[in-house]
């Protein structure tokens, strides 16, 4: 099962960092948050990634092009007129990474639709490139397969900043919408599992994934919630980045399950 990561937005709320690089490339502990997300999926055996790039997409491509150099100990030997590179130690990930330029101004739904050809008509995992969690991906996939609906999204109790879910006792989502005053606390944190037919709900580049496609899936009874009760945190602001950095530096990062 392939993993699609949405990594093409401008990251305007963390512009202090994203003016130089895409938000998923902002570092935690010296590694991009994108890397942390991929390590979680890889821990559960999901190693085939499709990165939906857009804003400063060349930064993501160049990072993976030089990944071997980033993670190895190397001697560059210029003596005796030579130009030799000697690799002493390398940490290779078992990853296959496809980086697709899905457009500068394409919305989240449109980015997903643009990579459809890379999926081979199979179910897929989908998440955002700016949130870390200790979510059990294997259990998420097992839950998705058990109910045979089009989409499973991970739900988390995190206040009222994000889109709101009305979840039934059996986990079925009765309504998906943006928050209003007085809403409850279960929110969409990404970490989704989707059947390929869900992409038919997306019209084009201007489609926002969290609006018409997921709202329609909820109305059709095709949207389910996997309730995550562990750790999750997005990195929207410098303050949130600093909080996550502190957790990593103090070796108490819950998302580091590998």
Protein backbone atom coordinates (compact mmCIF):
# COMPACT_ATOMS: atom_id res chain seq x y z
CA UNK A 1 0.00 0.00 0.00
CA UNK A 2 1.45 3.36 -1.07
CA UNK A 3 1.65 6.39 1.20
CA UNK A 4 0.67 9.79 -0.22
CA UNK A 5 1.96 12.82 1.69
CA UNK A 6 0.54 16.27 0.91
CA UNK A 7 3.57 18.57 0.90
CA UNK A 8 2.80 21.36 -1.54
CA UNK A 9 1.33 24.20 0.51
CA UNK A 10 2.89 27.57 1.28
CA UNK A 11 3.03 27.18 5.07
CA UNK A 12 2.19 30.83 5.64
CA UNK A 13 1.58 30.40 9.38
CA UNK A 14 5.22 29.40 9.88
CA UNK A 15 6.62 31.86 7.34
CA UNK A 16 9.76 32.43 9.40
CA UNK A 17 10.87 29.00 8.15
CA UNK A 18 8.75 28.38 5.06
CA UNK A 19 10.02 31.42 3.17
CA UNK A 20 13.14 29.35 2.52
CA UNK A 21 11.70 25.84 2.15
CA UNK A 22 8.38 23.94 2.04
CA UNK A 23 6.89 23.43 5.51
CA UNK A 24 7.41 19.63 5.39
CA UNK A 25 11.15 20.33 5.04
CA UNK A 26 11.32 22.39 8.25
CA UNK A 27 13.61 20.46 10.56
CA UNK A 28 13.06 18.81 13.93
CA UNK A 29 16.24 17.50 15.47
CA UNK A 30 18.16 18.14 12.29
CA UNK A 31 15.78 16.16 10.05
CA UNK A 32 12.74 17.44 8.10
CA UNK A 33 9.36 16.79 9.68
CA UNK A 34 8.62 14.93 6.43
CA UNK A 35 11.35 12.45 7.41
CA UNK A 36 9.77 11.93 10.85
CA UNK A 37 6.40 11.16 9.22
CA UNK A 38 7.98 8.73 6.76
CA UNK A 39 9.86 6.97 9.57
CA UNK A 40 6.53 6.30 11.32
CA UNK A 41 5.02 4.68 8.23
CA UNK A 42 8.22 2.76 7.56
CA UNK A 43 8.17 1.37 11.10
CA UNK A 44 4.92 -0.40 10.18
CA UNK A 45 6.26 -1.67 6.85
CA UNK A 46 4.91 1.00 4.50
CA UNK A 47 7.90 2.17 2.45
CA UNK A 48 6.50 3.28 -0.92
CA UNK A 49 5.90 7.04 -0.79
CA UNK A 50 4.38 9.57 -3.16
CA UNK A 51 5.15 13.16 -2.18
CA UNK A 52 2.68 15.73 -3.55
CA UNK A 53 5.00 18.72 -3.91
CA UNK A 54 4.27 22.26 -5.03
CA UNK A 55 5.77 25.30 -3.31
CA UNK A 56 9.57 25.12 -3.61
CA UNK A 57 9.25 21.53 -4.78
CA UNK A 58 12.87 21.47 -5.91
CA UNK A 59 13.97 21.50 -2.25
CA UNK A 60 12.25 18.15 -1.65
CA UNK A 61 13.68 16.64 -4.83
CA UNK A 62 17.20 17.80 -4.03
CA UNK A 63 16.95 16.44 -0.49
CA UNK A 64 16.17 12.92 -1.68
CA UNK A 65 18.65 13.17 -4.55
CA UNK A 66 21.39 13.74 -1.96
CA UNK A 67 19.87 11.56 0.78
CA UNK A 68 22.74 9.06 0.66
CA UNK A 69 25.23 11.87 1.29
CA UNK A 70 23.10 13.34 4.09
CA UNK A 71 23.11 10.08 6.06
CA UNK A 72 26.61 8.69 5.42
CA UNK A 73 30.14 9.23 6.75
CA UNK A 74 32.30 10.07 3.75
CA UNK A 75 35.93 10.87 2.96
CA UNK A 76 36.62 13.06 -0.07
CA UNK A 77 40.17 12.23 -1.16
CA UNK A 78 41.82 14.84 -3.42
CA UNK A 79 45.42 13.67 -2.82
CA UNK A 80 47.68 12.65 -5.68
CA UNK A 81 45.39 14.33 -8.18
CA UNK A 82 42.46 12.04 -7.33
CA UNK A 83 38.84 12.91 -6.82
CA UNK A 84 37.62 9.94 -4.84
CA UNK A 85 34.67 9.53 -2.50
CA UNK A 86 34.95 6.81 0.15
CA UNK A 87 31.82 5.83 2.07
CA UNK A 88 32.60 4.58 5.58
CA UNK A 89 29.08 4.20 6.97
CA UNK A 90 25.67 4.65 5.46
CA UNK A 91 22.18 4.44 6.86
CA UNK A 92 19.95 3.48 3.97
CA UNK A 93 16.16 3.53 4.37
CA UNK A 94 14.11 0.88 2.55
CA UNK A 95 12.17 3.62 0.80
CA UNK A 96 10.90 4.19 -2.70
CA UNK A 97 10.09 7.90 -3.02
CA UNK A 98 8.19 9.48 -5.92
CA UNK A 99 8.13 13.29 -5.79
CA UNK A 100 5.45 14.80 -8.02
CA UNK A 101 5.15 18.51 -8.78
CA UNK A 102 1.38 18.86 -8.30
CA UNK A 103 1.35 22.60 -8.99
CA UNK A 104 2.00 25.76 -7.06
CA UNK A 105 -1.61 26.77 -6.34
CA UNK A 106 -3.35 23.39 -6.48
CA UNK A 107 -5.63 22.60 -3.54
CA UNK A 108 -5.30 19.48 -1.38
CA UNK A 109 -7.90 17.48 -3.30
CA UNK A 110 -6.43 18.50 -6.62
CA UNK A 111 -2.98 17.34 -5.51
CA UNK A 112 -4.37 13.91 -4.69
CA UNK A 113 -6.12 13.65 -8.05
CA UNK A 114 -2.90 14.58 -9.88
CA UNK A 115 -1.04 11.53 -8.52
CA UNK A 116 -3.79 9.02 -9.28
CA UNK A 117 -1.77 7.47 -12.10
CA UNK A 118 0.92 6.42 -9.62
CA UNK A 119 -1.49 4.35 -7.50
CA UNK A 120 -2.25 1.52 -9.89
CA UNK A 121 -5.91 1.42 -8.81
CA UNK A 122 -5.04 0.20 -5.31
CA UNK A 123 -6.08 1.45 -1.85
CA UNK A 124 -3.66 3.97 -0.36
CA UNK A 125 -2.62 5.82 2.78
CA UNK A 126 -2.85 9.61 2.85
CA UNK A 127 -1.65 12.26 5.28
CA UNK A 128 -0.45 15.82 5.65
CA UNK A 129 3.23 16.77 5.73
CA UNK A 130 3.15 18.79 8.94
CA UNK A 131 1.89 16.59 11.79
CA UNK A 132 3.58 13.90 13.87
CA UNK A 133 1.86 11.18 15.89
CA UNK A 134 2.42 7.87 17.66
CA UNK A 135 -0.50 6.41 15.75
CA UNK A 136 -0.45 2.65 15.07
CA UNK A 137 -0.64 2.52 11.27
CA UNK A 138 -1.17 -1.24 11.20
CA UNK A 139 -4.26 -0.98 13.40
CA UNK A 140 -5.54 1.93 11.32
CA UNK A 141 -5.30 -0.16 8.13
CA UNK A 142 -6.91 -3.14 9.85
CA UNK A 143 -9.82 -0.95 10.98
CA UNK A 144 -10.25 0.41 7.45
CA UNK A 145 -10.36 -3.06 5.94
CA UNK A 146 -12.92 -4.20 8.52
CA UNK A 147 -15.66 -1.71 7.63
CA UNK A 148 -15.33 -1.70 3.80
CA UNK A 149 -16.10 2.03 3.35
CA UNK A 150 -14.28 4.39 0.99
CA UNK A 151 -12.37 6.46 3.53
CA UNK A 152 -11.07 6.23 7.08
CA UNK A 153 -9.69 9.33 8.74
CA UNK A 154 -7.95 9.53 12.08
CA UNK A 155 -9.86 11.55 14.69
CA UNK A 156 -8.30 13.22 17.72
CA UNK A 157 -9.47 15.30 20.66
CA UNK A 158 -7.67 18.61 20.13
CA UNK A 159 -9.89 21.61 20.79
CA UNK A 160 -11.74 23.49 18.05
CA UNK A 161 -9.15 24.73 15.55
CA UNK A 162 -9.89 22.28 12.75
CA UNK A 163 -12.71 20.60 10.81
CA UNK A 164 -15.31 18.93 13.03
CA UNK A 165 -16.53 15.32 12.87
CA UNK A 166 -19.90 13.99 14.08
CA UNK A 167 -19.01 10.36 14.92
CA UNK A 168 -21.54 7.62 15.68
CA UNK A 169 -21.10 4.89 18.31
CA UNK A 170 -19.89 2.41 15.65
CA UNK A 171 -17.28 4.84 14.32
CA UNK A 172 -19.29 5.97 11.27
CA UNK A 173 -19.03 9.65 10.45
CA UNK A 174 -22.45 11.24 10.09
CA UNK A 175 -21.19 14.71 9.20
CA UNK A 176 -17.91 16.31 8.17
CA UNK A 177 -17.73 20.12 8.22
CA UNK A 178 -15.75 23.14 9.27
CA UNK A 179 -16.00 24.14 12.94
CA UNK A 180 -18.69 26.46 14.30
CA UNK A 181 -19.17 28.02 17.71
CA UNK A 182 -20.08 25.38 20.30
CA UNK A 183 -18.66 22.37 18.44
CA UNK A 184 -17.13 19.33 20.10
CA UNK A 185 -13.47 18.36 20.11
CA UNK A 186 -12.95 15.46 17.67
CA UNK A 187 -10.93 16.74 14.72
CA UNK A 188 -9.47 15.36 11.50
CA UNK A 189 -5.69 14.86 11.87
CA UNK A 190 -5.07 13.18 8.53
CA UNK A 191 -3.50 9.72 8.63
CA UNK A 192 -6.20 8.43 6.29
CA UNK A 193 -6.79 5.20 4.40
CA UNK A 194 -8.68 5.48 1.11
CA UNK A 195 -10.10 3.28 -1.57
CA UNK A 196 -9.12 4.44 -5.08
CA UNK A 197 -12.75 5.22 -5.93
CA UNK A 198 -12.66 8.10 -3.46
CA UNK A 199 -10.63 10.11 -5.99
CA UNK A 200 -13.76 10.22 -8.18
CA UNK A 201 -15.20 12.61 -5.56
CA UNK A 202 -12.56 15.19 -6.54
CA UNK A 203 -13.37 17.51 -9.43
CA UNK A 204 -10.03 19.15 -10.15
CA UNK A 205 -7.17 21.38 -9.02
CA UNK A 206 -9.42 23.82 -7.15
CA UNK A 207 -11.02 21.11 -4.99
CA UNK A 208 -10.21 21.27 -1.28
CA UNK A 209 -10.05 17.72 0.06
CA UNK A 210 -11.57 18.70 3.39
CA UNK A 211 -14.62 20.32 1.81
CA UNK A 212 -16.73 18.72 -0.95
CA UNK A 213 -15.03 15.28 -1.22
CA UNK A 214 -15.04 14.40 2.48
CA UNK A 215 -18.39 16.10 3.10
CA UNK A 216 -19.93 14.05 0.29
CA UNK A 217 -18.31 10.85 1.58
CA UNK A 218 -19.90 11.53 4.98
CA UNK A 219 -23.34 12.10 3.42
CA UNK A 220 -22.99 8.88 1.41
CA UNK A 221 -22.11 6.89 4.53
CA UNK A 222 -18.63 6.20 3.16
CA UNK A 223 -16.53 7.98 5.81
CA UNK A 224 -15.32 6.35 9.02
CA UNK A 225 -13.31 7.60 12.00
CA UNK A 226 -10.41 5.83 13.64
CA UNK A 227 -10.13 7.38 17.09
CA UNK A 228 -6.53 8.06 18.10
CA UNK A 229 -6.01 8.59 21.82
CA UNK A 230 -2.22 8.85 21.89
CA UNK A 231 -0.05 11.76 20.77
CA UNK A 232 -0.52 14.06 17.80
CA UNK A 233 0.77 17.54 17.09
CA UNK A 234 0.86 19.66 13.97
CA UNK A 235 3.63 22.18 13.30
CA UNK A 236 1.77 25.26 12.13
CA UNK A 237 3.70 27.89 14.07
CA UNK A 238 7.20 28.60 15.33
CA UNK A 239 5.94 28.01 18.86
CA UNK A 240 4.76 24.52 17.94
CA UNK A 241 8.07 23.83 16.19
CA UNK A 242 9.99 24.87 19.28
CA UNK A 243 7.81 22.63 21.46
CA UNK A 244 8.45 19.62 19.22
CA UNK A 245 12.17 20.42 19.02
CA UNK A 246 12.34 20.48 22.82
CA UNK A 247 10.63 17.11 23.08
CA UNK A 248 13.04 15.62 20.54
CA UNK A 249 16.13 17.12 22.21
CA UNK A 250 15.05 15.75 25.60
CA UNK A 251 14.48 12.28 24.14
CA UNK A 252 10.80 12.30 24.99
CA UNK A 253 9.28 12.49 21.51
CA UNK A 254 6.21 10.19 21.57
CA UNK A 255 6.15 9.91 17.78
CA UNK A 256 9.61 8.27 17.73
CA UNK A 257 8.31 4.69 17.73
CA UNK A 258 11.07 3.35 15.48
